[in-house]
C-alpha atoms as a PDB file:
ATOM      1  CA  MET A   1    -167.261  67.059 249.290  1.00  0.00           C
ATOM      2  CA  LEU A   2    -165.360  63.693 248.945  1.00  0.00           C
ATOM      3  CA  ALA A   3    -162.787  65.259 246.749  1.00  0.00           C
ATOM      4  CA  GLN A   4    -162.134  67.996 249.358  1.00  0.00           C
ATOM      5  CA  GLN A   5    -161.784  65.454 252.176  1.00  0.00           C
ATOM      6  CA  ARG A   6    -159.139  63.703 250.037  1.00  0.00           C
ATOM      7  CA  GLN A   7    -157.396  66.915 249.410  1.00  0.00           C
ATOM      8  CA  GLN A   8    -157.180  67.659 253.080  1.00  0.00           C
ATOM      9  CA  VAL A   9    -155.789  64.306 253.862  1.00  0.00           C
ATOM     10  CA  LEU A  10    -153.079  64.996 251.441  1.00  0.00           C
ATOM     11  CA  GLN A  11    -151.997  68.410 252.663  1.00  0.00           C
ATOM     12  CA  GLY A  12    -148.574  68.472 254.086  1.00  0.00           C
ATOM     13  CA  ILE A  13    -147.350  65.446 251.999  1.00  0.00           C
ATOM     14  CA  PRO A  14    -144.518  66.493 249.682  1.00  0.00           C
ATOM     15  CA  LEU A  15    -144.892  66.119 245.943  1.00  0.00           C
ATOM     16  CA  LEU A  16    -142.290  63.963 244.201  1.00  0.00           C
ATOM     17  CA  GLU A  17    -140.128  65.785 241.631  1.00  0.00           C
ATOM     18  CA  LEU A  18    -140.700  64.888 237.911  1.00  0.00           C
ATOM     19  CA  ARG A  19    -137.142  64.571 236.861  1.00  0.00           C
ATOM     20  CA  GLU A  20    -135.638  63.790 233.467  1.00  0.00           C
ATOM     21  CA  ASP A  21    -134.285  60.445 234.609  1.00  0.00           C
ATOM     22  CA  ALA A  22    -138.021  59.485 235.520  1.00  0.00           C
ATOM     23  CA  LEU A  23    -139.094  60.387 231.892  1.00  0.00           C
ATOM     24  CA  SER A  24    -136.381  58.092 230.616  1.00  0.00           C
ATOM     25  CA  LEU A  25    -137.218  55.250 232.899  1.00  0.00           C
ATOM     26  CA  ALA A  26    -141.023  55.618 231.885  1.00  0.00           C
ATOM     27  CA  THR A  27    -140.113  55.478 228.272  1.00  0.00           C
ATOM     28  CA  ALA A  28    -137.763  52.434 228.834  1.00  0.00           C
ATOM     29  CA  LEU A  29    -140.720  50.720 230.853  1.00  0.00           C
ATOM     30  CA  VAL A  30    -143.012  51.119 227.680  1.00  0.00           C
ATOM     31  CA  THR A  31    -140.505  50.667 224.792  1.00  0.00           C
ATOM     32  CA  LYS A  32    -138.444  47.957 226.163  1.00  0.00           C
ATOM     33  CA  GLY A  33    -140.283  46.772 229.147  1.00  0.00           C
ATOM     34  CA  PRO A  34    -143.509  45.171 230.328  1.00  0.00           C
ATOM     35  CA  LEU A  35    -145.872  47.847 230.000  1.00  0.00           C
ATOM     36  CA  PRO A  36    -148.000  48.689 226.757  1.00  0.00           C
ATOM     37  CA  PRO A  37    -147.877  52.025 225.098  1.00  0.00           C
ATOM     38  CA  LYS A  38    -151.393  52.756 226.434  1.00  0.00           C
ATOM     39  CA  ALA A  39    -150.033  52.497 229.932  1.00  0.00           C
ATOM     40  CA  ALA A  40    -147.494  55.426 229.509  1.00  0.00           C
ATOM     41  CA  GLU A  41    -149.082  57.384 232.346  1.00  0.00           C
ATOM     42  CA  ASP A  42    -148.952  54.277 234.647  1.00  0.00           C
ATOM     43  CA  ALA A  43    -145.241  53.908 233.512  1.00  0.00           C
ATOM     44  CA  LEU A  44    -144.566  57.640 234.456  1.00  0.00           C
ATOM     45  CA  HIS A  45    -146.313  57.126 237.834  1.00  0.00           C
ATOM     46  CA  LEU A  46    -143.996  53.993 238.532  1.00  0.00           C
ATOM     47  CA  ALA A  47    -140.862  55.849 237.280  1.00  0.00           C
ATOM     48  CA  VAL A  48    -141.341  59.026 239.422  1.00  0.00           C
ATOM     49  CA  ALA A  49    -141.732  56.809 242.541  1.00  0.00           C
ATOM     50  CA  THR A  50    -138.780  54.666 241.541  1.00  0.00           C
ATOM     51  CA  VAL A  51    -136.176  57.340 240.747  1.00  0.00           C
ATOM     52  CA  ASN A  52    -137.306  59.357 243.940  1.00  0.00           C
ATOM     53  CA  GLY A  53    -136.500  56.176 246.082  1.00  0.00           C
ATOM     54  CA  MET A  54    -139.894  55.552 247.354  1.00  0.00           C
ATOM     55  CA  ASP A  55    -140.305  52.405 249.354  1.00  0.00           C
ATOM     56  CA  TYR A  56    -143.828  51.563 248.225  1.00  0.00           C
ATOM     57  CA  LEU A  57    -145.999  52.651 245.289  1.00  0.00           C
ATOM     58  CA  LEU A  58    -149.761  52.401 246.336  1.00  0.00           C
ATOM     59  CA  THR A  59    -152.130  51.977 243.540  1.00  0.00           C
ATOM     60  CA  TRP A  60    -155.630  50.554 242.752  1.00  0.00           C
ATOM     61  CA  ASN A  61    -154.309  49.767 239.220  1.00  0.00           C
ATOM     62  CA  PHE A  62    -154.398  46.191 239.100  1.00  0.00           C
ATOM     63  CA  LYS A  63    -154.095  46.032 235.144  1.00  0.00           C
ATOM     64  CA  HIS A  64    -150.694  47.329 234.770  1.00  0.00           C
ATOM     65  CA  LEU A  65    -148.950  47.942 238.074  1.00  0.00           C
ATOM     66  CA  ALA A  66    -150.241  45.984 240.918  1.00  0.00           C
ATOM     67  CA  ASN A  67    -150.361  42.987 238.763  1.00  0.00           C
ATOM     68  CA  ALA A  68    -148.664  39.675 240.174  1.00  0.00           C
ATOM     69  CA  THR A  69    -148.192  38.427 236.553  1.00  0.00           C
ATOM     70  CA  ILE A  70    -146.060  41.336 235.368  1.00  0.00           C
ATOM     71  CA  ARG A  71    -144.740  42.623 238.775  1.00  0.00           C
ATOM     72  CA  PHE A  72    -141.526  40.509 238.266  1.00  0.00           C
ATOM     73  CA  GLN A  73    -140.933  42.004 234.728  1.00  0.00           C
ATOM     74  CA  ILE A  74    -141.378  45.504 236.128  1.00  0.00           C
ATOM     75  CA  GLU A  75    -138.940  45.138 238.869  1.00  0.00           C
ATOM     76  CA  ARG A  76    -136.465  43.524 236.286  1.00  0.00           C
ATOM     77  CA  ALA A  77    -136.934  46.401 234.106  1.00  0.00           C
ATOM     78  CA  CYS A  78    -136.275  48.932 236.899  1.00  0.00           C
ATOM     79  CA  ARG A  79    -133.104  47.207 237.933  1.00  0.00           C
ATOM     80  CA  LEU A  80    -131.855  46.808 234.447  1.00  0.00           C
ATOM     81  CA  ASN A  81    -132.067  50.530 234.244  1.00  0.00           C
ATOM     82  CA  GLY A  82    -130.053  51.037 237.503  1.00  0.00           C
ATOM     83  CA  TYR A  83    -132.972  51.561 240.016  1.00  0.00           C
ATOM     84  CA  GLU A  84    -134.290  49.566 242.844  1.00  0.00           C
ATOM     85  CA  PRO A  85    -138.140  49.431 242.359  1.00  0.00           C
ATOM     86  CA  PRO A  86    -140.529  50.328 245.112  1.00  0.00           C
ATOM     87  CA  ILE A  87    -143.001  47.506 246.527  1.00  0.00           C
ATOM     88  CA  ILE A  88    -146.101  47.872 244.295  1.00  0.00           C
ATOM     89  CA  CYS A  89    -149.242  47.147 246.258  1.00  0.00           C
ATOM     90  CA  ALA A  90    -152.884  48.179 246.757  1.00  0.00           C
ATOM     91  CA  PRO A  91    -153.509  50.506 249.811  1.00  0.00           C
ATOM     92  CA  LEU A  92    -155.437  47.604 251.559  1.00  0.00           C
ATOM     93  CA  GLU A  93    -152.296  45.431 251.632  1.00  0.00           C
ATOM     94  CA  LEU A  94    -150.598  48.099 254.167  1.00  0.00           C
ATOM     95  CA  MET A  95    -153.682  48.428 256.449  1.00  0.00           C
ATOM     96  CA  GLU A  96    -153.337  46.970 259.813  1.00  0.00           C
ATOM     97  CA  ASP A  97    -156.084  44.460 261.055  1.00  0.00           C
END
């Protein structure tokens, strides 16, 4: 029931393209950047948002993405690879009062 409700909310929202440059950025975030190999899927999530020019990346992943201690390193790694990173935050940070 809840899964169906979530899918209904997402209807009409376009999917981002998984491009080769996203795969390259994700690899760089793991091999040369701040994310550990076990966070490869998180790196890909971030890379897809980044190369597609998203302004925000909403996530509940506080271990690897919405993490204040490594956020600067993530942003730096994206910029070193030629991309402006999205603002990484939890959904609650964008909700109005």
